[in-house]
Protein backbone atom coordinates (compact mmCIF):
# COMPACT_ATOMS: atom_id res chain seq x y z
CA MET A 1 -3.47 15.88 -20.66
CA SER A 2 -6.74 14.07 -19.99
CA ASP A 3 -5.57 10.54 -19.31
CA ALA A 4 -3.97 9.32 -16.18
CA THR A 5 -0.31 8.95 -16.66
CA SER A 6 2.13 6.19 -15.86
CA THR A 7 5.63 7.18 -14.99
CA ALA A 8 7.55 3.92 -14.92
CA MET A 9 8.53 1.15 -17.30
CA ASN A 10 5.58 -0.61 -19.05
CA THR A 11 7.12 -3.83 -19.97
CA ALA A 12 7.04 -7.02 -17.88
CA PRO A 13 10.40 -8.49 -16.92
CA ALA A 14 11.04 -11.98 -18.35
CA GLN A 15 11.56 -13.46 -14.84
CA TRP A 16 8.00 -12.85 -13.87
CA SER A 17 5.81 -15.89 -13.77
CA ALA A 18 2.31 -17.10 -12.93
CA ALA A 19 3.38 -16.81 -9.31
CA THR A 20 4.18 -13.18 -9.55
CA ARG A 21 1.86 -11.09 -7.46
CA PHE A 22 0.61 -7.52 -8.11
CA ALA A 23 -1.02 -5.10 -5.80
CA LEU A 24 -2.55 -1.64 -6.11
CA TYR A 25 -1.14 0.56 -3.44
CA TYR A 26 -1.18 4.16 -2.46
CA ALA A 27 2.35 5.65 -2.74
CA PRO A 28 2.99 9.29 -1.87
CA PRO A 29 4.34 11.44 -4.74
CA ARG A 30 8.03 10.84 -5.32
CA ASP A 31 9.06 14.39 -4.69
CA SER A 32 7.20 14.63 -1.32
CA ALA A 33 8.49 14.36 2.27
CA TRP A 34 5.90 11.64 2.76
CA TRP A 35 7.67 9.41 0.22
CA ARG A 36 11.21 10.26 1.08
CA ARG A 37 10.89 9.86 4.84
CA GLY A 38 8.73 6.75 4.65
CA CYS A 39 11.31 5.02 2.41
CA GLU A 40 14.10 6.08 4.82
CA TRP A 41 12.12 4.83 7.79
CA LEU A 42 11.79 1.35 6.18
CA GLY A 43 15.33 1.37 4.81
CA ARG A 44 14.53 0.93 1.06
CA ASP A 45 13.20 2.80 -1.88
CA PRO A 46 10.91 0.27 -3.61
CA GLU A 47 10.86 2.37 -6.82
CA SER A 48 14.58 2.75 -7.34
CA GLY A 49 15.66 -0.25 -5.38
CA GLU A 50 18.12 1.91 -3.44
CA PRO A 51 18.84 0.88 0.17
CA LEU A 52 18.55 3.68 2.55
CA ALA A 53 19.88 4.35 6.08
CA PRO A 54 16.93 4.47 8.53
CA PRO A 55 16.87 7.28 11.09
CA GLN A 56 17.56 6.33 14.68
CA PRO A 57 15.03 7.98 16.95
CA VAL A 58 16.60 8.98 20.25
CA GLU A 59 13.66 7.39 22.11
CA LEU A 60 14.66 3.91 20.89
CA GLU A 61 17.29 1.75 22.49
CA MET A 62 17.27 -0.73 19.55
CA PRO A 63 17.95 0.00 15.82
CA LEU A 64 14.84 1.10 14.00
CA ALA A 65 15.65 -1.48 11.21
CA SER A 66 15.14 -4.26 13.73
CA LEU A 67 11.47 -3.22 14.21
CA THR A 68 10.53 -2.78 10.58
CA VAL A 69 11.45 -6.11 8.90
CA ALA A 70 7.99 -7.08 7.54
CA PRO A 71 6.94 -3.57 6.27
CA GLY A 72 10.39 -3.20 4.80
CA ARG A 73 9.80 -6.16 2.50
CA TYR A 74 6.49 -4.76 1.27
CA GLY A 75 7.94 -1.31 0.76
CA TRP A 76 6.44 2.07 1.77
CA HIS A 77 2.74 2.04 0.82
CA GLY A 78 -0.82 2.01 1.84
CA THR A 79 -2.87 -0.97 0.54
CA LEU A 80 -5.79 -0.34 -1.71
CA VAL A 81 -6.11 -3.63 -3.54
CA PRO A 82 -4.20 -6.46 -1.68
CA PRO A 83 -1.64 -8.63 -3.57
CA PHE A 84 -2.98 -10.98 -6.16
CA ARG A 85 -1.95 -13.20 -9.05
CA LEU A 86 -3.33 -12.33 -12.50
CA ALA A 87 -6.08 -14.36 -14.03
CA ASP A 88 -5.34 -16.62 -16.96
CA GLY A 89 -5.03 -14.46 -20.12
CA VAL A 90 -4.55 -11.20 -18.27
CA THR A 91 -1.22 -9.59 -18.93
CA PRO A 92 0.64 -7.06 -16.76
CA GLN A 93 0.04 -4.48 -19.51
CA ALA A 94 -3.72 -5.05 -19.27
CA LEU A 95 -3.50 -4.45 -15.56
CA VAL A 96 -1.76 -1.19 -16.22
CA ALA A 97 -4.33 -0.15 -18.84
CA ALA A 98 -7.24 -0.92 -16.61
CA THR A 99 -5.66 1.00 -13.73
CA GLN A 100 -5.00 3.92 -15.97
CA ALA A 101 -8.69 3.97 -17.19
CA TRP A 102 -9.89 3.82 -13.61
CA ALA A 103 -7.52 6.47 -12.32
CA ALA A 104 -8.53 8.86 -15.19
CA ARG A 105 -12.00 9.04 -13.54
CA ARG A 106 -10.71 9.84 -10.09
CA GLU A 107 -9.81 13.18 -8.51
CA ARG A 108 -6.88 14.25 -6.38
CA PHE A 109 -7.44 14.93 -2.69
CA GLU A 110 -5.49 15.37 0.51
CA VAL A 111 -5.90 13.70 3.93
CA ALA A 112 -4.77 14.76 7.34
CA ALA A 113 -2.66 11.82 8.60
CA GLU A 114 -0.60 10.88 11.56
CA ALA A 115 1.08 7.87 13.15
CA ALA A 116 -1.23 5.83 15.46
CA THR A 117 -1.58 2.34 16.71
CA LEU A 118 -3.31 -0.37 14.82
CA GLY A 119 -3.49 -3.36 17.17
CA ARG A 120 0.15 -4.11 17.96
CA PHE A 121 1.50 -2.21 14.98
CA VAL A 122 2.32 1.40 14.45
CA ALA A 123 0.99 2.86 11.18
CA VAL A 124 0.11 6.18 9.48
CA ARG A 125 -3.64 6.53 9.70
CA ALA A 126 -6.13 9.15 8.56
CA ALA A 127 -6.45 11.69 11.37
CA ASP A 128 -10.25 12.26 10.87
CA ASP A 129 -13.30 10.42 9.70
CA SER A 130 -13.64 12.39 6.47
CA GLY A 131 -10.11 11.31 5.36
CA ALA A 132 -10.73 7.68 6.46
CA GLN A 133 -14.02 7.57 4.49
CA ALA A 134 -12.41 9.01 1.35
CA LEU A 135 -9.65 6.42 1.46
CA GLN A 136 -12.06 3.61 2.16
CA GLN A 137 -14.20 4.78 -0.87
CA LEU A 138 -11.10 4.85 -3.09
CA ALA A 139 -10.03 1.35 -2.07
CA GLY A 140 -13.46 -0.16 -2.49
CA ASP A 141 -13.95 1.45 -5.98
CA ALA A 142 -10.47 0.13 -7.08
CA LEU A 143 -11.21 -3.45 -5.87
CA ARG A 144 -14.58 -3.48 -7.62
CA THR A 145 -12.99 -2.18 -10.86
CA LEU A 146 -9.94 -4.49 -10.93
CA GLY A 147 -11.33 -7.49 -9.15
CA SER A 148 -12.05 -9.37 -12.43
CA LEU A 149 -8.36 -9.39 -13.29
CA ARG A 150 -7.46 -11.46 -10.18
CA ALA A 151 -6.75 -15.14 -10.40
CA ALA A 152 -9.04 -17.32 -8.36
CA GLN A 153 -7.64 -18.48 -5.02
CA THR A 154 -6.30 -21.95 -4.75
CA SER A 155 -7.87 -24.17 -2.13
CA ALA A 156 -4.66 -23.94 -0.03
CA GLU A 157 -4.84 -20.11 -0.15
CA LEU A 158 -8.48 -19.95 0.86
CA ALA A 159 -7.88 -22.46 3.70
CA ARG A 160 -4.93 -20.45 5.01
CA ARG A 161 -6.83 -17.18 4.96
CA LEU A 162 -9.87 -18.70 6.65
CA ASP A 163 -7.72 -20.20 9.40
CA ALA A 164 -8.03 -16.99 11.41
CA PRO A 165 -10.48 -15.41 13.91
CA LEU A 166 -12.80 -13.78 11.42
CA THR A 167 -16.35 -12.54 11.54
CA PRO A 168 -18.94 -13.97 9.17
CA ARG A 169 -18.71 -10.88 7.02
CA GLN A 170 -14.89 -11.15 6.83
CA ARG A 171 -15.15 -14.84 5.87
CA ASP A 172 -17.47 -13.85 3.03
CA TYR A 173 -15.05 -11.32 1.88
CA VAL A 174 -12.21 -13.79 1.89
CA GLU A 175 -14.22 -16.26 -0.14
CA THR A 176 -15.33 -13.61 -2.69
CA TRP A 177 -12.39 -11.17 -2.71
CA GLY A 178 -9.55 -13.12 -1.26
CA TYR A 179 -9.04 -10.80 1.74
CA PRO A 180 -11.09 -10.08 4.90
CA TYR A 181 -10.37 -6.38 5.26
CA VAL A 182 -12.11 -4.83 2.30
CA PHE A 183 -15.11 -2.32 1.73
CA ASP A 184 -16.67 -1.61 5.17
CA GLU A 185 -13.87 -3.60 6.93
CA PHE A 186 -11.11 -1.62 5.21
CA ARG A 187 -8.89 0.55 7.44
CA PHE A 188 -6.33 2.57 5.46
CA HIS A 189 -2.81 2.31 7.03
CA MET A 190 0.82 2.76 5.99
CA THR A 191 2.70 0.38 8.28
CA LEU A 192 5.70 1.77 10.18
CA SER A 193 6.54 -1.26 12.37
CA ASP A 194 6.43 -5.00 12.90
CA SER A 195 4.00 -6.39 15.42
CA LEU A 196 5.31 -5.12 18.75
CA ASP A 197 4.28 -6.30 22.19
CA GLU A 198 5.77 -3.45 24.14
CA ALA A 199 3.43 -0.42 24.35
CA PRO A 200 6.41 1.94 25.28
CA THR A 201 8.17 0.99 22.01
CA ARG A 202 5.00 1.66 19.96
CA ALA A 203 4.56 5.06 21.73
CA ALA A 204 8.19 5.94 20.96
CA LEU A 205 7.85 5.12 17.28
CA MET A 206 4.56 7.14 17.05
CA HIS A 207 6.25 10.13 18.69
CA ALA A 208 9.35 9.93 16.46
CA TRP A 209 7.32 9.72 13.23
CA ASN A 210 4.90 12.50 14.09
CA ALA A 211 7.81 14.73 15.22
CA GLN A 212 9.60 14.44 11.89
CA MET A 213 6.45 14.92 9.87
CA ARG A 214 5.17 17.96 11.81
CA ASP A 215 5.73 20.28 8.84
CA ALA A 216 5.03 17.88 6.02
CA GLY A 217 1.41 18.96 5.42
CA PRO A 218 -1.44 16.54 4.61
CA LEU A 219 -1.01 13.27 2.79
CA PRO A 220 -1.32 14.04 -0.91
CA VAL A 221 -3.43 11.39 -2.60
CA HIS A 222 -2.53 12.28 -6.17
CA GLY A 223 -2.38 8.82 -7.78
CA VAL A 224 -1.74 5.12 -7.07
CA ALA A 225 1.05 2.67 -7.85
CA ILE A 226 1.24 -0.96 -9.05
CA TYR A 227 3.71 -2.89 -6.84
CA VAL A 228 5.00 -6.24 -7.78
CA GLU A 229 6.30 -9.22 -5.84
CA PRO A 230 8.39 -10.96 -8.57
CA LYS A 231 8.52 -14.32 -6.83
CA PRO A 232 7.18 -15.60 -3.47
CA ALA A 233 8.85 -13.88 -0.45
CA ALA A 234 10.77 -11.46 -2.65
CA PRO A 235 10.71 -7.73 -1.75
CA PHE A 236 7.89 -5.83 -3.43
CA GLU A 237 8.92 -3.30 -6.13
CA LEU A 238 7.10 -0.25 -7.30
CA TRP A 239 6.60 -0.99 -11.00
CA GLN A 240 4.18 1.60 -12.23
CA ARG A 241 2.93 4.95 -10.90
CA VAL A 242 -0.47 6.00 -12.27
CA ASP A 243 -1.52 9.56 -11.54
CA PHE A 244 -4.94 10.96 -11.11
CA PRO A 245 -5.77 13.99 -13.47
CA GLN A 246 -4.89 17.45 -12.37
CA GLU A 247 -7.62 20.09 -12.21
CA ASN A 248 -6.45 21.73 -15.45
CA ASP A 249 -6.50 18.49 -17.46
CA ALA A 250 -9.02 18.75 -20.22
């Protein structure tokens, strides 16, 4: 099989509208410990819609679910192309086709990864520079390829995103790409917590995640997934998986 494959439904639900947002995310393979344990950690499988019981690390005095509200809405993932609305005339199926064509030119790779801090958050990060650079290149290539399918920002969206402490380069990225942390500003992460003020809580979460993933092996980057926010503030759903070719694909 020479083409990248999609392993989910390929029709757009009728309840989607012009306000529906799409995102290209990294999602670990469904049969991997990286997928199963990440979904359990956030309390939801965004592909099946199944609610899951989060683990309760012994280091925590409060329920894990109370510390993962925001990442739980977005679902277990690592952002490659941030959420966007489709441009006029672009259908969800066209987005899938473009993603498949792009993915067919990619190669599978693996990245050493571990939980670390990212500001006041805890997230899975690449454990070395080579992995971080591979993921940064992947995200940048995806954004350049799919960027023409994005709807232009509204003036309100642009004003909201610029109302933040940004560098001149980040402001340029917001105006051009709709998001400040792209290309050289991109830092791959899979969020494990809300924003937390308490350093001991962040440390406990890092320790708990790394302990349970000690034998999981490297992060397998074997494909991407299209996630959907059906309507504003709704939980994101994994709509389509798109695999990178295997080595024996002709």
